[in-house]
């Protein structure tokens, strides 16, 4: 099981590659790899939002919260 810090790093890597993802898409991505956030994706994403690492907005068409990286960081070289 990943730590919260590891989960945050993996979510940031995913968002940098995808540009933006819904909560469901993020959960699906990690589930398909047999991974899970220690406290669940929603709690990890909310903690990241409070820290200023990600931004979110409600998207009616996608029927959920859409998440993006708050600031552009260095390129991610690790394989997701």
N, C-alpha and C. Protein backbone atom coordinates (compact mmCIF):
# COMPACT_ATOMS: atom_id res chain seq x y z
N UNK A 1 0.85 -1.19 0.00
CA UNK A 1 0.00 0.00 0.00
C UNK A 1 0.89 1.24 0.00
N UNK A 2 0.54 2.20 -0.83
CA UNK A 2 1.32 3.43 -0.96
C UNK A 2 1.04 4.37 0.21
N UNK A 3 2.05 5.17 0.55
CA UNK A 3 1.86 6.20 1.55
C UNK A 3 1.11 7.37 0.91
N UNK A 4 0.66 8.30 1.71
CA UNK A 4 -0.04 9.46 1.17
C UNK A 4 0.87 10.25 0.25
N UNK A 5 2.13 10.42 0.62
CA UNK A 5 3.09 11.16 -0.20
C UNK A 5 3.29 10.46 -1.55
N UNK A 6 3.42 9.14 -1.53
CA UNK A 6 3.57 8.39 -2.78
C UNK A 6 2.32 8.52 -3.65
N UNK A 7 1.17 8.47 -3.01
CA UNK A 7 -0.09 8.62 -3.74
C UNK A 7 -0.18 9.99 -4.39
N UNK A 8 0.22 11.02 -3.65
CA UNK A 8 0.19 12.38 -4.20
C UNK A 8 1.11 12.48 -5.42
N UNK A 9 2.29 11.90 -5.32
CA UNK A 9 3.25 11.93 -6.42
C UNK A 9 2.66 11.24 -7.65
N UNK A 10 2.01 10.10 -7.45
CA UNK A 10 1.43 9.36 -8.57
C UNK A 10 0.25 10.11 -9.19
N UNK A 11 -0.55 10.75 -8.37
CA UNK A 11 -1.67 11.53 -8.90
C UNK A 11 -1.14 12.72 -9.70
N UNK A 12 -0.13 13.41 -9.18
CA UNK A 12 0.46 14.53 -9.92
C UNK A 12 1.04 14.06 -11.25
N UNK A 13 1.71 12.92 -11.25
CA UNK A 13 2.28 12.38 -12.48
C UNK A 13 1.17 12.10 -13.49
N UNK A 14 0.09 11.49 -13.04
CA UNK A 14 -1.04 11.19 -13.93
C UNK A 14 -1.64 12.47 -14.49
N UNK A 15 -1.86 13.47 -13.64
CA UNK A 15 -2.47 14.72 -14.10
C UNK A 15 -1.55 15.48 -15.05
N UNK A 16 -0.26 15.40 -14.83
CA UNK A 16 0.68 16.07 -15.75
C UNK A 16 0.65 15.41 -17.12
N UNK A 17 0.45 14.11 -17.14
CA UNK A 17 0.39 13.40 -18.42
C UNK A 17 -0.97 13.57 -19.11
N UNK A 18 -2.04 13.55 -18.34
CA UNK A 18 -3.38 13.60 -18.93
C UNK A 18 -3.89 15.02 -19.13
N UNK A 19 -3.35 15.97 -18.39
CA UNK A 19 -3.84 17.35 -18.44
C UNK A 19 -4.93 17.59 -17.43
N UNK A 20 -5.95 16.73 -17.45
CA UNK A 20 -7.01 16.80 -16.46
C UNK A 20 -7.72 15.46 -16.43
N UNK A 21 -8.28 15.13 -15.28
CA UNK A 21 -9.01 13.87 -15.12
C UNK A 21 -10.09 14.06 -14.07
N UNK A 22 -11.17 13.31 -14.22
CA UNK A 22 -12.22 13.32 -13.20
C UNK A 22 -11.78 12.43 -12.04
N UNK A 23 -12.46 12.56 -10.93
CA UNK A 23 -12.18 11.70 -9.78
C UNK A 23 -12.33 10.24 -10.18
N UNK A 24 -13.39 9.93 -10.90
CA UNK A 24 -13.63 8.54 -11.33
C UNK A 24 -12.52 8.04 -12.25
N UNK A 25 -12.04 8.88 -13.15
CA UNK A 25 -10.96 8.47 -14.05
C UNK A 25 -9.67 8.20 -13.28
N UNK A 26 -9.40 9.02 -12.27
CA UNK A 26 -8.21 8.81 -11.45
C UNK A 26 -8.33 7.49 -10.69
N UNK A 27 -9.48 7.25 -10.07
CA UNK A 27 -9.69 6.00 -9.35
C UNK A 27 -9.56 4.80 -10.29
N UNK A 28 -10.16 4.89 -11.48
CA UNK A 28 -10.10 3.81 -12.46
C UNK A 28 -8.66 3.53 -12.89
N UNK A 29 -7.89 4.58 -13.10
CA UNK A 29 -6.49 4.44 -13.51
C UNK A 29 -5.72 3.59 -12.50
N UNK A 30 -5.84 3.92 -11.23
CA UNK A 30 -5.09 3.20 -10.22
C UNK A 30 -5.65 1.81 -9.94
N UNK A 31 -6.96 1.68 -9.98
CA UNK A 31 -7.58 0.36 -9.81
C UNK A 31 -7.12 -0.61 -10.89
N UNK A 32 -7.02 -0.12 -12.13
CA UNK A 32 -6.62 -0.98 -13.25
C UNK A 32 -5.18 -1.46 -13.10
N UNK A 33 -4.41 -0.81 -12.26
CA UNK A 33 -3.02 -1.20 -12.00
C UNK A 33 -2.86 -1.93 -10.67
N UNK A 34 -3.98 -2.20 -10.03
CA UNK A 34 -3.94 -2.90 -8.74
C UNK A 34 -3.43 -2.03 -7.61
N UNK A 35 -3.49 -0.71 -7.78
CA UNK A 35 -3.02 0.22 -6.76
C UNK A 35 -4.22 0.92 -6.12
N UNK A 36 -3.98 1.50 -4.96
CA UNK A 36 -5.03 2.23 -4.27
C UNK A 36 -4.41 3.32 -3.43
N UNK A 37 -5.11 4.43 -3.28
CA UNK A 37 -4.66 5.48 -2.38
C UNK A 37 -4.95 5.01 -0.96
N UNK A 38 -4.08 5.32 0.02
CA UNK A 38 -4.28 4.82 1.37
C UNK A 38 -5.60 5.25 2.00
N UNK A 39 -6.06 6.45 1.73
CA UNK A 39 -7.31 6.95 2.32
C UNK A 39 -8.40 7.11 1.26
N UNK A 40 -8.19 6.59 0.08
CA UNK A 40 -9.14 6.78 -1.01
C UNK A 40 -8.79 8.01 -1.81
N UNK A 41 -9.11 7.97 -3.08
CA UNK A 41 -8.73 9.06 -3.99
C UNK A 41 -9.32 10.40 -3.58
N UNK A 42 -10.57 10.41 -3.15
CA UNK A 42 -11.22 11.68 -2.80
C UNK A 42 -10.47 12.38 -1.67
N UNK A 43 -10.13 11.67 -0.63
CA UNK A 43 -9.43 12.29 0.50
C UNK A 43 -8.04 12.77 0.08
N UNK A 44 -7.34 11.97 -0.72
CA UNK A 44 -6.01 12.37 -1.18
C UNK A 44 -6.12 13.63 -2.05
N UNK A 45 -7.08 13.65 -2.97
CA UNK A 45 -7.26 14.82 -3.84
C UNK A 45 -7.62 16.07 -3.03
N UNK A 46 -8.48 15.93 -2.05
CA UNK A 46 -8.86 17.09 -1.22
C UNK A 46 -7.67 17.61 -0.42
N UNK A 47 -6.85 16.70 0.13
CA UNK A 47 -5.64 17.14 0.84
C UNK A 47 -4.70 17.87 -0.11
N UNK A 48 -4.59 17.35 -1.34
CA UNK A 48 -3.72 17.98 -2.33
C UNK A 48 -4.25 19.36 -2.71
N UNK A 49 -5.57 19.51 -2.76
CA UNK A 49 -6.18 20.81 -3.08
C UNK A 49 -5.88 21.82 -1.97
N UNK A 50 -6.01 21.39 -0.72
CA UNK A 50 -5.72 22.27 0.42
C UNK A 50 -4.25 22.71 0.39
N UNK A 51 -3.36 21.81 -0.02
CA UNK A 51 -1.92 22.12 -0.11
C UNK A 51 -1.59 22.99 -1.32
N UNK A 52 -2.55 23.17 -2.22
CA UNK A 52 -2.31 23.97 -3.42
C UNK A 52 -1.64 23.21 -4.55
N UNK A 53 -1.66 21.88 -4.48
CA UNK A 53 -1.01 21.07 -5.51
C UNK A 53 -1.90 20.85 -6.73
N UNK A 54 -3.21 20.81 -6.52
CA UNK A 54 -4.16 20.59 -7.61
C UNK A 54 -5.31 21.59 -7.52
N UNK A 55 -6.00 21.75 -8.65
CA UNK A 55 -7.20 22.57 -8.70
C UNK A 55 -8.34 21.67 -9.17
N UNK A 56 -9.56 22.06 -8.83
CA UNK A 56 -10.71 21.27 -9.28
C UNK A 56 -11.84 22.18 -9.72
N UNK A 57 -12.70 21.63 -10.56
CA UNK A 57 -13.90 22.34 -10.98
C UNK A 57 -14.96 21.28 -11.27
N UNK A 58 -16.20 21.66 -11.09
CA UNK A 58 -17.32 20.76 -11.39
C UNK A 58 -17.59 20.85 -12.88
N UNK A 59 -17.71 19.70 -13.53
CA UNK A 59 -18.01 19.64 -14.96
C UNK A 59 -19.28 18.83 -15.15
N UNK A 60 -20.34 19.50 -15.54
CA UNK A 60 -21.64 18.82 -15.71
C UNK A 60 -21.61 17.79 -16.83
N UNK A 61 -20.90 18.09 -17.91
CA UNK A 61 -20.83 17.15 -19.03
C UNK A 61 -20.14 15.86 -18.65
N UNK A 62 -19.08 15.97 -17.86
CA UNK A 62 -18.33 14.79 -17.43
C UNK A 62 -18.90 14.22 -16.12
N UNK A 63 -19.90 14.90 -15.59
CA UNK A 63 -20.62 14.47 -14.40
C UNK A 63 -19.73 14.21 -13.19
N UNK A 64 -18.89 15.18 -12.88
CA UNK A 64 -18.05 15.05 -11.70
C UNK A 64 -17.02 16.14 -11.62
N UNK A 65 -16.18 16.02 -10.61
CA UNK A 65 -15.09 16.97 -10.40
C UNK A 65 -13.97 16.64 -11.36
N UNK A 66 -13.42 17.68 -11.98
CA UNK A 66 -12.29 17.53 -12.89
C UNK A 66 -11.08 18.17 -12.20
N UNK A 67 -9.99 17.43 -12.17
CA UNK A 67 -8.79 17.83 -11.44
C UNK A 67 -7.65 18.15 -12.41
N UNK A 68 -6.87 19.19 -12.08
CA UNK A 68 -5.69 19.57 -12.84
C UNK A 68 -4.57 19.92 -11.87
N UNK A 69 -3.35 19.91 -12.39
CA UNK A 69 -2.20 20.31 -11.57
C UNK A 69 -2.26 21.82 -11.40
N UNK A 70 -2.03 22.29 -10.18
CA UNK A 70 -2.11 23.73 -9.88
C UNK A 70 -0.95 24.49 -10.50
N UNK A 71 0.23 23.91 -10.50
CA UNK A 71 1.41 24.57 -11.05
C UNK A 71 2.16 23.59 -11.92
N UNK A 72 2.79 24.10 -12.94
CA UNK A 72 3.58 23.24 -13.81
C UNK A 72 4.90 22.94 -13.11
N UNK A 73 5.23 21.67 -13.02
CA UNK A 73 6.47 21.24 -12.38
C UNK A 73 7.39 20.58 -13.38
N UNK A 74 8.46 19.97 -12.90
CA UNK A 74 9.40 19.29 -13.79
C UNK A 74 8.73 18.10 -14.47
N UNK A 75 9.22 17.70 -15.64
CA UNK A 75 8.62 16.56 -16.33
C UNK A 75 8.71 15.28 -15.50
N UNK A 76 7.73 14.44 -15.64
CA UNK A 76 7.70 13.17 -14.93
C UNK A 76 8.31 12.11 -15.82
N UNK A 77 9.33 11.44 -15.32
CA UNK A 77 9.99 10.43 -16.12
C UNK A 77 9.62 9.02 -15.70
N UNK A 78 8.95 8.88 -14.56
CA UNK A 78 8.61 7.54 -14.10
C UNK A 78 7.44 6.99 -14.89
N UNK A 79 7.43 5.71 -15.07
CA UNK A 79 6.35 5.06 -15.81
C UNK A 79 5.16 4.88 -14.89
N UNK A 80 3.99 5.22 -15.40
CA UNK A 80 2.76 5.04 -14.61
C UNK A 80 2.35 3.65 -14.79
